[in-house]
Amino acid sequence: MNFKQFFLSLFIFTLFFCGCTDTSKTVENKYEKYIGYINPEKALLKEGKTLCNINDIKTTYSGAAPYGFKGSKKVFRDFILSNYNEKLYKDSGYVSFRFLVNCKGEAGWFEIIEMNLDLEEIDLDDKMINELLELTSKKENWNQLGYEEGFIDYYMYILYRIENGKIIEILP
């Protein structure tokens, strides 16, 4: 194959593949905002609370954890363990709360995921979930976080590992 034949073949090949591509279709964005976005319309415990700037929620989940707890994580853990009624429950699994804390230090906009110990989604005891939600969302658990422009809204998550109703571990 000589030089002219090579470029002619390359030109035809390019026309063929470029001509076969349908450029009228656009790729639909799978995520409304970004991965991890909490839709405030579907979230729990948002009534009576407002976000300071819904378009500029600053901190990632793991980045907020050391600073989000009022006092410390130990203070949070001690509060949860001393107020949670483990004797009322028999379920085992994980309960994940993803939520926002607004610029006033109010936790809300919760999403809840319930899983068994094999990480398969299931329904755990509603009373247990509601008690954990109530305890986790208490304002006295969360700090206001400041940034350059003042206090900010930030993401948090709490994951409880529960065995036979007893809290075994609290992450992060």
N, C-alpha and C. Protein backbone atom coordinates (compact mmCIF):
# COMPACT_ATOMS: atom_id res chain seq x y z
N MET A 1 0.85 -1.17 0.00
CA MET A 1 0.00 0.00 0.00
C MET A 1 0.90 1.24 0.00
N ASN A 2 0.67 2.12 -0.97
CA ASN A 2 1.49 3.30 -1.02
C ASN A 2 0.89 4.42 -0.16
N PHE A 3 1.60 5.52 -0.11
CA PHE A 3 1.26 6.65 0.73
C PHE A 3 -0.14 7.19 0.41
N LYS A 4 -0.47 7.35 -0.88
CA LYS A 4 -1.77 7.89 -1.29
C LYS A 4 -2.90 6.94 -0.90
N GLN A 5 -2.71 5.66 -1.13
CA GLN A 5 -3.74 4.67 -0.78
C GLN A 5 -3.98 4.65 0.73
N PHE A 6 -2.91 4.78 1.51
CA PHE A 6 -3.05 4.78 2.96
C PHE A 6 -3.92 5.95 3.42
N PHE A 7 -3.63 7.17 2.94
CA PHE A 7 -4.39 8.33 3.36
C PHE A 7 -5.81 8.30 2.82
N LEU A 8 -6.02 7.77 1.62
CA LEU A 8 -7.36 7.62 1.07
C LEU A 8 -8.16 6.65 1.93
N SER A 9 -7.54 5.54 2.32
CA SER A 9 -8.22 4.56 3.18
C SER A 9 -8.54 5.18 4.53
N LEU A 10 -7.60 5.92 5.09
CA LEU A 10 -7.81 6.58 6.38
C LEU A 10 -8.94 7.61 6.27
N PHE A 11 -8.98 8.36 5.18
CA PHE A 11 -10.02 9.35 4.96
C PHE A 11 -11.39 8.69 4.88
N ILE A 12 -11.52 7.62 4.11
CA ILE A 12 -12.80 6.90 3.95
C ILE A 12 -13.21 6.29 5.29
N PHE A 13 -12.25 5.70 6.00
CA PHE A 13 -12.52 5.11 7.32
C PHE A 13 -13.06 6.17 8.27
N THR A 14 -12.43 7.36 8.29
CA THR A 14 -12.85 8.45 9.16
C THR A 14 -14.25 8.93 8.78
N LEU A 15 -14.51 9.10 7.50
CA LEU A 15 -15.84 9.53 7.06
C LEU A 15 -16.91 8.51 7.46
N PHE A 16 -16.60 7.25 7.28
CA PHE A 16 -17.55 6.20 7.61
C PHE A 16 -17.92 6.23 9.09
N PHE A 17 -16.93 6.26 9.96
CA PHE A 17 -17.21 6.22 11.39
C PHE A 17 -17.77 7.53 11.91
N CYS A 18 -17.32 8.65 11.37
CA CYS A 18 -17.88 9.93 11.80
C CYS A 18 -19.30 10.09 11.28
N GLY A 19 -19.57 9.56 10.10
CA GLY A 19 -20.90 9.65 9.53
C GLY A 19 -21.90 8.74 10.22
N CYS A 20 -21.39 7.67 10.84
CA CYS A 20 -22.29 6.74 11.53
C CYS A 20 -22.67 7.19 12.93
N THR A 21 -21.98 8.17 13.44
CA THR A 21 -22.25 8.64 14.80
C THR A 21 -23.45 9.58 14.78
N ASP A 22 -24.43 9.31 15.61
CA ASP A 22 -25.61 10.16 15.72
C ASP A 22 -25.32 11.26 16.73
N THR A 23 -25.03 12.44 16.22
CA THR A 23 -24.70 13.56 17.09
C THR A 23 -25.94 14.29 17.58
N SER A 24 -27.13 13.90 17.13
CA SER A 24 -28.35 14.57 17.57
C SER A 24 -28.77 14.13 18.96
N LYS A 25 -28.27 12.99 19.42
CA LYS A 25 -28.61 12.50 20.75
C LYS A 25 -27.61 13.06 21.76
N THR A 26 -28.12 13.47 22.89
CA THR A 26 -27.24 13.92 23.96
C THR A 26 -27.26 12.88 25.07
N VAL A 27 -26.17 12.79 25.75
CA VAL A 27 -26.06 11.84 26.85
C VAL A 27 -26.77 12.45 28.06
N GLU A 28 -27.71 11.70 28.62
CA GLU A 28 -28.44 12.19 29.79
C GLU A 28 -27.57 12.02 31.03
N ASN A 29 -27.52 13.06 31.85
CA ASN A 29 -26.75 13.00 33.08
C ASN A 29 -27.47 12.08 34.06
N LYS A 30 -26.79 11.04 34.51
CA LYS A 30 -27.38 10.06 35.40
C LYS A 30 -27.64 10.63 36.79
N TYR A 31 -26.84 11.59 37.21
CA TYR A 31 -26.96 12.17 38.54
C TYR A 31 -27.47 13.60 38.42
N GLU A 32 -28.50 13.90 39.19
CA GLU A 32 -29.11 15.23 39.12
C GLU A 32 -28.12 16.34 39.46
N LYS A 33 -27.35 16.16 40.50
CA LYS A 33 -26.37 17.17 40.91
C LYS A 33 -24.97 16.58 40.91
N TYR A 34 -24.75 15.60 41.74
CA TYR A 34 -23.47 14.93 41.87
C TYR A 34 -23.70 13.68 42.71
N ILE A 35 -22.74 12.79 42.71
CA ILE A 35 -22.86 11.57 43.50
C ILE A 35 -22.87 11.95 44.97
N GLY A 36 -23.82 11.41 45.70
CA GLY A 36 -23.93 11.72 47.12
C GLY A 36 -24.93 12.82 47.42
N TYR A 37 -25.46 13.45 46.39
CA TYR A 37 -26.44 14.52 46.57
C TYR A 37 -27.65 14.01 47.35
N ILE A 38 -28.09 14.78 48.32
CA ILE A 38 -29.30 14.47 49.08
C ILE A 38 -30.40 15.39 48.56
N ASN A 39 -31.42 14.81 48.01
CA ASN A 39 -32.53 15.58 47.48
C ASN A 39 -33.36 16.12 48.64
N PRO A 40 -33.39 17.43 48.84
CA PRO A 40 -34.11 17.99 49.98
C PRO A 40 -35.63 17.75 49.91
N GLU A 41 -36.14 17.49 48.72
CA GLU A 41 -37.58 17.24 48.59
C GLU A 41 -37.96 15.87 49.15
N LYS A 42 -37.05 14.91 49.13
CA LYS A 42 -37.34 13.54 49.57
C LYS A 42 -36.79 13.24 50.97
N ALA A 43 -36.00 14.12 51.51
CA ALA A 43 -35.30 13.87 52.77
C ALA A 43 -36.24 14.03 53.97
N LEU A 44 -35.84 13.39 55.08
CA LEU A 44 -36.61 13.42 56.33
C LEU A 44 -36.07 14.50 57.27
N LEU A 45 -36.94 14.95 58.18
CA LEU A 45 -36.59 15.91 59.23
C LEU A 45 -36.04 17.23 58.69
N LYS A 46 -36.71 17.77 57.73
CA LYS A 46 -36.29 19.06 57.19
C LYS A 46 -37.26 20.17 57.58
N GLU A 47 -38.40 19.80 58.13
CA GLU A 47 -39.43 20.77 58.47
C GLU A 47 -38.92 21.79 59.49
N GLY A 48 -39.19 23.05 59.22
CA GLY A 48 -38.81 24.12 60.13
C GLY A 48 -37.34 24.49 60.07
N LYS A 49 -36.60 23.89 59.17
CA LYS A 49 -35.17 24.18 59.05
C LYS A 49 -34.89 24.69 57.64
N THR A 50 -33.86 25.48 57.52
CA THR A 50 -33.48 25.97 56.20
C THR A 50 -31.98 25.81 56.01
N LEU A 51 -31.59 25.61 54.77
CA LEU A 51 -30.17 25.59 54.42
C LEU A 51 -29.75 27.01 54.07
N CYS A 52 -28.56 27.37 54.45
CA CYS A 52 -28.07 28.71 54.16
C CYS A 52 -27.79 28.90 52.67
N ASN A 53 -27.22 27.86 52.06
CA ASN A 53 -26.88 27.96 50.64
C ASN A 53 -26.91 26.56 50.02
N ILE A 54 -28.07 26.18 49.53
CA ILE A 54 -28.25 24.82 49.00
C ILE A 54 -27.34 24.54 47.80
N ASN A 55 -26.88 25.58 47.13
CA ASN A 55 -26.01 25.40 45.96
C ASN A 55 -24.52 25.37 46.31
N ASP A 56 -24.20 25.50 47.60
CA ASP A 56 -22.79 25.54 47.99
C ASP A 56 -22.60 24.84 49.34
N ILE A 57 -22.88 23.54 49.35
CA ILE A 57 -22.68 22.75 50.56
C ILE A 57 -21.22 22.31 50.54
N LYS A 58 -20.46 22.72 51.54
CA LYS A 58 -19.00 22.69 51.46
C LYS A 58 -18.33 21.34 51.69
N THR A 59 -18.55 20.74 52.82
CA THR A 59 -17.66 19.68 53.29
C THR A 59 -18.13 18.31 52.86
N THR A 60 -17.20 17.46 52.50
CA THR A 60 -17.53 16.08 52.18
C THR A 60 -17.81 15.32 53.47
N TYR A 61 -18.39 14.14 53.34
CA TYR A 61 -18.77 13.35 54.50
C TYR A 61 -17.60 13.12 55.45
N SER A 62 -16.52 12.57 54.95
CA SER A 62 -15.41 12.24 55.84
C SER A 62 -14.67 13.48 56.32
N GLY A 63 -14.66 14.52 55.53
CA GLY A 63 -13.96 15.74 55.92
C GLY A 63 -14.63 16.47 57.07
N ALA A 64 -15.94 16.37 57.19
CA ALA A 64 -16.66 17.07 58.25
C ALA A 64 -16.61 16.32 59.57
N ALA A 65 -16.43 15.02 59.52
CA ALA A 65 -16.59 14.18 60.72
C ALA A 65 -15.81 14.66 61.94
N PRO A 66 -14.52 14.96 61.84
CA PRO A 66 -13.81 15.35 63.06
C PRO A 66 -14.31 16.66 63.66
N TYR A 67 -14.86 17.52 62.83
CA TYR A 67 -15.27 18.84 63.29
C TYR A 67 -16.77 18.95 63.52
N GLY A 68 -17.53 18.05 62.94
CA GLY A 68 -18.99 18.13 63.03
C GLY A 68 -19.55 17.80 64.40
N PHE A 69 -18.91 16.86 65.09
CA PHE A 69 -19.41 16.47 66.40
C PHE A 69 -19.20 17.58 67.41
N LYS A 70 -20.27 17.94 68.13
CA LYS A 70 -20.13 18.94 69.19
C LYS A 70 -19.41 18.27 70.36
N GLY A 71 -18.34 18.84 70.80
CA GLY A 71 -17.50 18.23 71.83
C GLY A 71 -16.50 17.31 71.18
N SER A 72 -16.94 16.10 70.85
CA SER A 72 -16.09 15.11 70.18
C SER A 72 -16.95 13.93 69.78
N LYS A 73 -16.37 13.01 69.04
CA LYS A 73 -17.11 11.80 68.70
C LYS A 73 -17.40 10.99 69.95
N LYS A 74 -16.50 11.00 70.91
CA LYS A 74 -16.72 10.28 72.17
C LYS A 74 -17.94 10.83 72.90
N VAL A 75 -18.08 12.14 72.91
CA VAL A 75 -19.25 12.76 73.55
C VAL A 75 -20.52 12.30 72.84
N PHE A 76 -20.48 12.28 71.49
CA PHE A 76 -21.63 11.81 70.71
C PHE A 76 -21.94 10.35 71.02
N ARG A 77 -20.92 9.51 70.99
CA ARG A 77 -21.09 8.08 71.26
C ARG A 77 -21.67 7.85 72.65
N ASP A 78 -21.12 8.54 73.65
CA ASP A 78 -21.63 8.40 75.02
C ASP A 78 -23.09 8.82 75.12
N PHE A 79 -23.45 9.90 74.42
CA PHE A 79 -24.84 10.35 74.42
C PHE A 79 -25.76 9.29 73.81
N ILE A 80 -25.38 8.76 72.66
CA ILE A 80 -26.20 7.76 71.99
C ILE A 80 -26.35 6.52 72.87
N LEU A 81 -25.23 5.99 73.35
CA LEU A 81 -25.27 4.74 74.12
C LEU A 81 -26.02 4.90 75.44
N SER A 82 -25.98 6.07 76.06
CA SER A 82 -26.68 6.25 77.33
C SER A 82 -28.18 6.53 77.15
N ASN A 83 -28.60 6.89 75.95
CA ASN A 83 -30.01 7.21 75.72
C ASN A 83 -30.76 6.18 74.87
N TYR A 84 -30.05 5.32 74.20
CA TYR A 84 -30.65 4.31 73.33
C TYR A 84 -31.15 3.13 74.17
N ASN A 85 -32.36 2.68 73.89
CA ASN A 85 -33.00 1.60 74.65
C ASN A 85 -32.79 0.25 73.98
N GLU A 86 -31.59 -0.28 74.06
CA GLU A 86 -31.23 -1.51 73.33
C GLU A 86 -32.07 -2.71 73.74
N LYS A 87 -32.59 -2.74 74.95
CA LYS A 87 -33.35 -3.91 75.42
C LYS A 87 -34.69 -4.05 74.72
N LEU A 88 -35.11 -3.01 74.01
CA LEU A 88 -36.40 -3.05 73.30
C LEU A 88 -36.30 -3.72 71.94
N TYR A 89 -35.09 -4.00 71.46
CA TYR A 89 -34.92 -4.43 70.08
C TYR A 89 -34.12 -5.73 69.98
N LYS A 90 -34.37 -6.46 68.90
CA LYS A 90 -33.69 -7.74 68.64
C LYS A 90 -32.99 -7.77 67.28
N ASP A 91 -33.22 -6.76 66.45
CA ASP A 91 -32.68 -6.76 65.08
C ASP A 91 -31.15 -6.66 65.06
N SER A 92 -30.58 -7.16 63.96
CA SER A 92 -29.15 -7.03 63.71
C SER A 92 -28.97 -6.46 62.31
N GLY A 93 -27.98 -5.60 62.16
CA GLY A 93 -27.70 -5.03 60.85
C GLY A 93 -27.00 -3.70 60.96
N TYR A 94 -27.03 -2.98 59.87
CA TYR A 94 -26.43 -1.65 59.79
C TYR A 94 -27.53 -0.63 59.51
N VAL A 95 -27.42 0.52 60.14
CA VAL A 95 -28.31 1.64 59.85
C VAL A 95 -27.41 2.81 59.47
N SER A 96 -27.59 3.30 58.25
CA SER A 96 -26.80 4.41 57.75
C SER A 96 -27.68 5.65 57.63
N PHE A 97 -27.25 6.72 58.28
CA PHE A 97 -27.91 8.01 58.15
C PHE A 97 -26.98 8.94 57.38
N ARG A 98 -27.44 9.42 56.24
CA ARG A 98 -26.75 10.47 55.49
C ARG A 98 -27.59 11.71 55.67
N PHE A 99 -26.96 12.84 55.98
CA PHE A 99 -27.75 14.02 56.27
C PHE A 99 -26.94 15.29 56.11
N LEU A 100 -27.63 16.40 56.24
CA LEU A 100 -27.01 17.71 56.18
C LEU A 100 -27.13 18.37 57.55
N VAL A 101 -26.13 19.16 57.88
CA VAL A 101 -26.20 20.03 59.06
C VAL A 101 -26.13 21.45 58.51
N ASN A 102 -27.11 22.27 58.88
CA ASN A 102 -27.13 23.62 58.32
C ASN A 102 -26.20 24.55 59.08
N CYS A 103 -26.15 25.79 58.63
CA CYS A 103 -25.24 26.78 59.20
C CYS A 103 -25.56 27.10 60.66
N LYS A 104 -26.73 26.70 61.14
CA LYS A 104 -27.11 26.92 62.54
C LYS A 104 -26.78 25.71 63.41
N GLY A 105 -26.22 24.66 62.81
CA GLY A 105 -25.90 23.45 63.56
C GLY A 105 -27.09 22.53 63.73
N GLU A 106 -28.10 22.68 62.89
CA GLU A 106 -29.30 21.83 62.95
C GLU A 106 -29.17 20.69 61.94
N ALA A 107 -29.28 19.45 62.41
CA ALA A 107 -29.22 18.29 61.52
C ALA A 107 -30.59 18.03 60.94
N GLY A 108 -30.63 17.74 59.67
CA GLY A 108 -31.88 17.44 58.98
C GLY A 108 -31.59 16.87 57.61
N TRP A 109 -32.61 16.77 56.78
CA TRP A 109 -32.47 16.29 55.41
C TRP A 109 -31.85 14.88 55.41
N PHE A 110 -32.41 14.00 56.21
CA PHE A 110 -31.88 12.65 56.40
C PHE A 110 -32.32 11.69 55.30
N GLU A 111 -31.39 10.84 54.89
CA GLU A 111 -31.67 9.65 54.09
C GLU A 111 -31.22 8.46 54.93
N ILE A 112 -32.03 7.41 54.93
CA ILE A 112 -31.74 6.25 55.77
C ILE A 112 -31.61 5.01 54.90
N ILE A 113 -30.57 4.24 55.15
CA ILE A 113 -30.39 2.95 54.49
C ILE A 113 -30.27 1.90 55.59
N GLU A 114 -31.09 0.85 55.47
CA GLU A 114 -31.10 -0.23 56.44
C GLU A 114 -30.60 -1.50 55.76
N MET A 115 -29.64 -2.19 56.39
CA MET A 115 -29.04 -3.39 55.79
C MET A 115 -28.87 -4.47 56.86
N ASN A 116 -28.84 -5.71 56.40
CA ASN A 116 -28.50 -6.80 57.31
C ASN A 116 -26.97 -6.85 57.45
N LEU A 117 -26.46 -7.78 58.21
CA LEU A 117 -25.01 -7.86 58.43
C LEU A 117 -24.24 -8.31 57.20
N ASP A 118 -24.97 -8.79 56.16
CA ASP A 118 -24.35 -9.12 54.88
C ASP A 118 -24.45 -7.97 53.88
N LEU A 119 -24.85 -6.81 54.38
CA LEU A 119 -24.97 -5.57 53.59
C LEU A 119 -26.04 -5.63 52.51
N GLU A 120 -27.08 -6.42 52.73
CA GLU A 120 -28.23 -6.47 51.83
C GLU A 120 -29.32 -5.59 52.43
N GLU A 121 -29.92 -4.75 51.58
CA GLU A 121 -30.97 -3.86 52.09
C GLU A 121 -32.16 -4.65 52.60
N ILE A 122 -32.60 -4.29 53.80
CA ILE A 122 -33.76 -4.91 54.44
C ILE A 122 -34.49 -3.83 55.23
N ASP A 123 -35.62 -4.18 55.79
CA ASP A 123 -36.34 -3.30 56.71
C ASP A 123 -36.06 -3.76 58.13
N LEU A 124 -35.46 -2.87 58.91
CA LEU A 124 -35.24 -3.15 60.32
C LEU A 124 -36.41 -2.58 61.12
N ASP A 125 -36.44 -2.87 62.39
CA ASP A 125 -37.52 -2.43 63.28
C ASP A 125 -37.72 -0.91 63.19
N ASP A 126 -38.94 -0.50 62.80
CA ASP A 126 -39.23 0.93 62.63
C ASP A 126 -39.03 1.73 63.91
N LYS A 127 -39.39 1.15 65.04
CA LYS A 127 -39.22 1.87 66.32
C LYS A 127 -37.74 2.10 66.61
N MET A 128 -36.91 1.11 66.32
CA MET A 128 -35.47 1.25 66.52
C MET A 128 -34.91 2.35 65.61
N ILE A 129 -35.31 2.32 64.35
CA ILE A 129 -34.84 3.32 63.38
C ILE A 129 -35.26 4.72 63.82
N ASN A 130 -36.51 4.86 64.24
CA ASN A 130 -37.01 6.17 64.67
C ASN A 130 -36.28 6.67 65.92
N GLU A 131 -35.98 5.76 66.85
CA GLU A 131 -35.25 6.17 68.04
C GLU A 131 -33.84 6.64 67.68
N LEU A 132 -33.16 5.88 66.82
CA LEU A 132 -31.82 6.29 66.39
C LEU A 132 -31.85 7.60 65.61
N LEU A 133 -32.86 7.79 64.78
CA LEU A 133 -33.01 9.03 64.04
C LEU A 133 -33.20 10.21 64.99
N GLU A 134 -34.06 10.03 65.97
CA GLU A 134 -34.32 11.10 66.94
C GLU A 134 -33.05 11.46 67.71
N LEU A 135 -32.33 10.44 68.19
CA LEU A 135 -31.11 10.70 68.95
C LEU A 135 -30.02 11.33 68.08
N THR A 136 -29.85 10.82 66.87
CA THR A 136 -28.80 11.31 65.97
C THR A 136 -29.05 12.76 65.57
N SER A 137 -30.29 13.13 65.41
CA SER A 137 -30.62 14.45 64.88
C SER A 137 -30.63 15.56 65.93
N LYS A 138 -30.43 15.25 67.18
CA LYS A 138 -30.46 16.28 68.24
C LYS A 138 -29.44 17.39 67.96
N LYS A 139 -29.90 18.63 68.09
CA LYS A 139 -29.05 19.79 67.81
C LYS A 139 -27.81 19.81 68.70
N GLU A 140 -27.94 19.32 69.92
CA GLU A 140 -26.78 19.34 70.82
C GLU A 140 -25.64 18.43 70.38
N ASN A 141 -25.85 17.64 69.34
CA ASN A 141 -24.79 16.76 68.82
C ASN A 141 -23.90 17.42 67.77
N TRP A 142 -24.34 18.54 67.18
CA TRP A 142 -23.69 19.03 65.96
C TRP A 142 -23.19 20.46 66.10
N ASN A 143 -22.01 20.68 65.56
CA ASN A 143 -21.39 22.01 65.54
C ASN A 143 -21.84 22.82 64.35
N GLN A 144 -21.75 24.13 64.51
CA GLN A 144 -21.77 25.02 63.36
C GLN A 144 -20.34 25.02 62.83
N LEU A 145 -20.20 24.85 61.53
CA LEU A 145 -18.87 24.90 60.95
C LEU A 145 -18.69 26.20 60.17
N GLY A 146 -17.57 26.86 60.40
CA GLY A 146 -17.29 28.11 59.71
C GLY A 146 -16.32 27.90 58.57
N TYR A 147 -16.44 28.76 57.61
CA TYR A 147 -15.55 28.77 56.46
C TYR A 147 -15.27 30.23 56.15
N GLU A 148 -14.62 30.53 55.06
CA GLU A 148 -14.22 31.90 54.74
C GLU A 148 -15.38 32.89 54.81
N GLU A 149 -16.54 32.48 54.32
CA GLU A 149 -17.67 33.42 54.25
C GLU A 149 -18.62 33.33 55.43
N GLY A 150 -18.26 32.58 56.45
CA GLY A 150 -19.13 32.45 57.63
C GLY A 150 -19.51 31.00 57.85
N PHE A 151 -20.60 30.79 58.56
CA PHE A 151 -21.06 29.42 58.85
C PHE A 151 -21.64 28.78 57.60
N ILE A 152 -21.42 27.47 57.47
CA ILE A 152 -21.78 26.76 56.24
C ILE A 152 -22.69 25.57 56.52
N ASP A 153 -23.34 25.09 55.47
CA ASP A 153 -24.05 23.82 55.49
C ASP A 153 -23.03 22.73 55.14
N TYR A 154 -23.17 21.55 55.77
CA TYR A 154 -22.22 20.48 55.47
C TYR A 154 -22.89 19.11 55.55
N TYR A 155 -22.26 18.15 54.89
CA TYR A 155 -22.72 16.76 54.88
C TYR A 155 -22.14 16.01 56.07
N MET A 156 -22.91 15.04 56.55
CA MET A 156 -22.43 14.10 57.57
C MET A 156 -23.06 12.75 57.29
N TYR A 157 -22.47 11.74 57.88
CA TYR A 157 -23.10 10.42 57.88
C TYR A 157 -22.77 9.76 59.20
N ILE A 158 -23.66 8.91 59.64
CA ILE A 158 -23.45 8.07 60.81
C ILE A 158 -23.88 6.66 60.41
N LEU A 159 -23.04 5.70 60.74
CA LEU A 159 -23.36 4.30 60.47
C LEU A 159 -23.32 3.54 61.79
N TYR A 160 -24.45 2.92 62.12
CA TYR A 160 -24.54 2.11 63.32
C TYR A 160 -24.47 0.63 62.93
N ARG A 161 -23.63 -0.12 63.63
CA ARG A 161 -23.64 -1.58 63.52
C ARG A 161 -24.37 -2.09 64.76
N ILE A 162 -25.41 -2.86 64.52
CA ILE A 162 -26.28 -3.33 65.60
C ILE A 162 -26.35 -4.85 65.57
N GLU A 163 -26.18 -5.47 66.71
CA GLU A 163 -26.32 -6.92 66.83
C GLU A 163 -27.29 -7.23 67.97
N ASN A 164 -28.37 -7.91 67.63
CA ASN A 164 -29.42 -8.25 68.60
C ASN A 164 -29.89 -7.02 69.38
N GLY A 165 -30.04 -5.91 68.67
CA GLY A 165 -30.53 -4.68 69.27
C GLY A 165 -29.48 -3.82 69.91
N LYS A 166 -28.29 -4.33 70.13
CA LYS A 166 -27.22 -3.60 70.81
C LYS A 166 -26.31 -2.91 69.78
N ILE A 167 -26.01 -1.63 70.03
CA ILE A 167 -25.08 -0.90 69.17
C ILE A 167 -23.67 -1.39 69.46
N ILE A 168 -23.03 -1.95 68.44
CA ILE A 168 -21.68 -2.49 68.56
C ILE A 168 -20.64 -1.46 68.13
N GLU A 169 -20.98 -0.68 67.11
CA GLU A 169 -20.02 0.27 66.56
C GLU A 169 -20.76 1.46 65.97
N ILE A 170 -20.14 2.64 66.07
CA ILE A 170 -20.65 3.86 65.45
C ILE A 170 -19.54 4.43 64.60
N LEU A 171 -19.81 4.58 63.30
CA LEU A 171 -18.83 5.16 62.38
C LEU A 171 -19.37 6.47 61.83
N PRO A 172 -18.63 7.44 61.41
CA PRO A 172 -17.18 7.41 61.31
C PRO A 172 -16.53 7.55 62.66
